[in-house]
Amino acid sequence: MYLPRRASRATTAFRPGRVRIAAAALASAAAVAVLTGCSGFESTSDICSSGEYPVLSVGETGSACVSDKKEPPTGFARYPEGKVPQQVDDKWDVYWDTHTLDKDGNTIDAPDAD
């Protein structure tokens, strides 16, 4: 009588090394999802570099960055307090696409805003 060969207990045993690798891979994937908010890898860019501040073109929608040690050049003004854009496409960066300052420092609709 022929008896089928059975696998030894050693070949079918639970392998903790493989489980650790799988657990580490799942933990890594979960960490990536949590840290990126499941929204992909978005990045933000600061309006100006360290040591600079943004200024707005008077009567226009243009802007520039000026050294913290200097005053705004002619034709530019500091943004009103509390309305300074910090990062590209943030609330105030988008706002100043359609607004500007007049020569008296009042906020007005930008001349070319539709």
C-alpha atoms as a PDB file:
ATOM      1  CA  MET A   1       0.000   0.000   0.000  1.00  0.00           C
ATOM      2  CA  TYR A   2       1.283   3.419  -0.972  1.00  0.00           C
ATOM      3  CA  LEU A   3       0.915   6.284   1.479  1.00  0.00           C
ATOM      4  CA  PRO A   4       1.187   9.809   0.096  1.00  0.00           C
ATOM      5  CA  ARG A   5       4.110  11.672   1.402  1.00  0.00           C
ATOM      6  CA  ARG A   6       3.146  14.331   3.844  1.00  0.00           C
ATOM      7  CA  ALA A   7       4.971  17.576   4.230  1.00  0.00           C
ATOM      8  CA  SER A   8       6.904  17.776   7.394  1.00  0.00           C
ATOM      9  CA  ARG A   9       5.810  20.116  10.087  1.00  0.00           C
ATOM     10  CA  ALA A  10       8.916  22.223   9.486  1.00  0.00           C
ATOM     11  CA  THR A  11       7.910  23.107   5.905  1.00  0.00           C
ATOM     12  CA  THR A  12       4.372  24.133   6.819  1.00  0.00           C
ATOM     13  CA  ALA A  13       5.198  25.875  10.065  1.00  0.00           C
ATOM     14  CA  PHE A  14       4.263  29.464  10.656  1.00  0.00           C
ATOM     15  CA  ARG A  15       7.170  31.697   9.626  1.00  0.00           C
ATOM     16  CA  PRO A  16       7.477  34.710  11.901  1.00  0.00           C
ATOM     17  CA  GLY A  17      10.083  36.390   9.660  1.00  0.00           C
ATOM     18  CA  ARG A  18       7.636  36.685   6.771  1.00  0.00           C
ATOM     19  CA  VAL A  19       4.909  37.947   9.039  1.00  0.00           C
ATOM     20  CA  ARG A  20       7.201  40.687  10.323  1.00  0.00           C
ATOM     21  CA  ILE A  21       8.014  41.778   6.779  1.00  0.00           C
ATOM     22  CA  ALA A  22       4.323  41.865   5.798  1.00  0.00           C
ATOM     23  CA  ALA A  23       3.426  43.767   8.978  1.00  0.00           C
ATOM     24  CA  ALA A  24       6.188  46.294   8.345  1.00  0.00           C
ATOM     25  CA  ALA A  25       4.984  46.840   4.771  1.00  0.00           C
ATOM     26  CA  LEU A  26       1.400  47.386   5.933  1.00  0.00           C
ATOM     27  CA  ALA A  27       2.519  49.744   8.691  1.00  0.00           C
ATOM     28  CA  SER A  28       4.583  51.741   6.201  1.00  0.00           C
ATOM     29  CA  ALA A  29       1.661  52.030   3.782  1.00  0.00           C
ATOM     30  CA  ALA A  30      -0.637  53.144   6.601  1.00  0.00           C
ATOM     31  CA  ALA A  31       1.884  55.758   7.747  1.00  0.00           C
ATOM     32  CA  VAL A  32       2.188  57.182   4.228  1.00  0.00           C
ATOM     33  CA  ALA A  33      -1.607  57.392   3.919  1.00  0.00           C
ATOM     34  CA  VAL A  34      -1.952  59.165   7.273  1.00  0.00           C
ATOM     35  CA  LEU A  35       0.925  61.589   6.729  1.00  0.00           C
ATOM     36  CA  THR A  36      -0.197  62.604   3.244  1.00  0.00           C
ATOM     37  CA  GLY A  37      -3.863  62.778   4.152  1.00  0.00           C
ATOM     38  CA  CYS A  38      -4.575  60.280   1.377  1.00  0.00           C
ATOM     39  CA  SER A  39      -4.430  63.176  -1.052  1.00  0.00           C
ATOM     40  CA  GLY A  40      -1.196  62.381  -2.781  1.00  0.00           C
ATOM     41  CA  PHE A  41       1.993  64.280  -2.380  1.00  0.00           C
ATOM     42  CA  GLU A  42       1.062  67.925  -2.445  1.00  0.00           C
ATOM     43  CA  SER A  43       3.634  70.537  -1.786  1.00  0.00           C
ATOM     44  CA  THR A  44       3.344  74.179  -0.967  1.00  0.00           C
ATOM     45  CA  SER A  45       5.719  76.947  -1.887  1.00  0.00           C
ATOM     46  CA  ASP A  46       6.395  79.983   0.237  1.00  0.00           C
ATOM     47  CA  ILE A  47       5.722  83.329  -1.408  1.00  0.00           C
ATOM     48  CA  CYS A  48       9.159  84.629  -0.426  1.00  0.00           C
ATOM     49  CA  SER A  49      12.408  83.117   0.792  1.00  0.00           C
ATOM     50  CA  SER A  50      13.638  83.368   4.342  1.00  0.00           C
ATOM     51  CA  GLY A  51      14.809  86.901   5.093  1.00  0.00           C
ATOM     52  CA  GLU A  52      12.307  88.470   2.663  1.00  0.00           C
ATOM     53  CA  TYR A  53       8.749  89.759   2.803  1.00  0.00           C
ATOM     54  CA  PRO A  54       6.155  90.139   0.020  1.00  0.00           C
ATOM     55  CA  VAL A  55       5.111  93.521  -1.367  1.00  0.00           C
ATOM     56  CA  LEU A  56       2.239  94.433  -3.665  1.00  0.00           C
ATOM     57  CA  SER A  57       2.405  96.579  -6.769  1.00  0.00           C
ATOM     58  CA  VAL A  58       0.286  99.715  -6.225  1.00  0.00           C
ATOM     59  CA  GLY A  59      -2.586  99.888  -8.710  1.00  0.00           C
ATOM     60  CA  GLU A  60      -1.620  96.509 -10.217  1.00  0.00           C
ATOM     61  CA  THR A  61      -1.800  92.853  -9.228  1.00  0.00           C
ATOM     62  CA  GLY A  62       1.958  92.254  -9.394  1.00  0.00           C
ATOM     63  CA  SER A  63       4.041  91.427  -6.384  1.00  0.00           C
ATOM     64  CA  ALA A  64       7.675  91.033  -5.412  1.00  0.00           C
ATOM     65  CA  CYS A  65       9.835  89.987  -2.495  1.00  0.00           C
ATOM     66  CA  VAL A  66      12.018  92.463  -0.653  1.00  0.00           C
ATOM     67  CA  SER A  67      14.819  91.910   1.831  1.00  0.00           C
ATOM     68  CA  ASP A  68      13.700  92.264   5.448  1.00  0.00           C
ATOM     69  CA  LYS A  69      16.372  94.980   5.750  1.00  0.00           C
ATOM     70  CA  LYS A  70      14.889  97.187   3.008  1.00  0.00           C
ATOM     71  CA  GLU A  71      11.774  99.247   2.434  1.00  0.00           C
ATOM     72  CA  PRO A  72       9.498  98.496  -0.549  1.00  0.00           C
ATOM     73  CA  PRO A  73      10.742  99.974  -3.844  1.00  0.00           C
ATOM     74  CA  THR A  74       8.864 102.810  -5.561  1.00  0.00           C
ATOM     75  CA  GLY A  75       5.514 101.605  -6.895  1.00  0.00           C
ATOM     76  CA  PHE A  76       5.197  98.854  -4.285  1.00  0.00           C
ATOM     77  CA  ALA A  77       3.660  98.765  -0.807  1.00  0.00           C
ATOM     78  CA  ARG A  78       3.486  96.340   2.077  1.00  0.00           C
ATOM     79  CA  TYR A  79       0.356  94.208   2.202  1.00  0.00           C
ATOM     80  CA  PRO A  80      -2.234  95.317   4.773  1.00  0.00           C
ATOM     81  CA  GLU A  81      -1.724  93.686   8.166  1.00  0.00           C
ATOM     82  CA  GLY A  82      -3.496  90.328   8.387  1.00  0.00           C
ATOM     83  CA  LYS A  83      -3.827  90.070   4.597  1.00  0.00           C
ATOM     84  CA  VAL A  84      -0.300  89.015   3.727  1.00  0.00           C
ATOM     85  CA  PRO A  85       0.033  85.936   1.510  1.00  0.00           C
ATOM     86  CA  GLN A  86       2.395  83.353   2.979  1.00  0.00           C
ATOM     87  CA  GLN A  87       2.225  80.511   0.460  1.00  0.00           C
ATOM     88  CA  VAL A  88       1.423  80.264  -3.241  1.00  0.00           C
ATOM     89  CA  ASP A  89      -2.348  79.889  -3.767  1.00  0.00           C
ATOM     90  CA  ASP A  90      -3.246  80.464  -0.117  1.00  0.00           C
ATOM     91  CA  LYS A  91      -6.331  82.548   0.758  1.00  0.00           C
ATOM     92  CA  TRP A  92      -4.576  85.915   0.496  1.00  0.00           C
ATOM     93  CA  ASP A  93      -2.514  85.056  -2.580  1.00  0.00           C
ATOM     94  CA  VAL A  94      -5.746  84.239  -4.436  1.00  0.00           C
ATOM     95  CA  TYR A  95      -7.480  87.345  -3.030  1.00  0.00           C
ATOM     96  CA  TRP A  96      -4.754  89.682  -4.294  1.00  0.00           C
ATOM     97  CA  ASP A  97      -5.155  88.276  -7.827  1.00  0.00           C
ATOM     98  CA  THR A  98      -8.303  90.405  -8.112  1.00  0.00           C
ATOM     99  CA  HIS A  99      -7.553  93.219  -5.655  1.00  0.00           C
ATOM    100  CA  THR A 100      -4.809  95.765  -5.163  1.00  0.00           C
ATOM    101  CA  LEU A 101      -4.029  98.973  -3.288  1.00  0.00           C
ATOM    102  CA  ASP A 102      -4.556 102.478  -4.610  1.00  0.00           C
ATOM    103  CA  LYS A 103      -2.001 105.259  -4.092  1.00  0.00           C
ATOM    104  CA  ASP A 104      -3.642 106.100  -0.742  1.00  0.00           C
ATOM    105  CA  GLY A 105      -3.356 102.524   0.561  1.00  0.00           C
ATOM    106  CA  ASN A 106      -7.032 101.649   0.136  1.00  0.00           C
ATOM    107  CA  THR A 107      -7.954  98.159  -1.088  1.00  0.00           C
ATOM    108  CA  ILE A 108      -9.628  98.315  -4.514  1.00  0.00           C
ATOM    109  CA  ASP A 109     -10.647  95.902  -7.241  1.00  0.00           C
ATOM    110  CA  ALA A 110      -7.754  95.309  -9.597  1.00  0.00           C
ATOM    111  CA  PRO A 111      -8.099  97.227 -12.876  1.00  0.00           C
ATOM    112  CA  ASP A 112      -7.742  94.085 -14.999  1.00  0.00           C
ATOM    113  CA  ALA A 113      -9.933  91.832 -12.794  1.00  0.00           C
ATOM    114  CA  ASP A 114     -13.013  90.562 -14.602  1.00  0.00           C
END
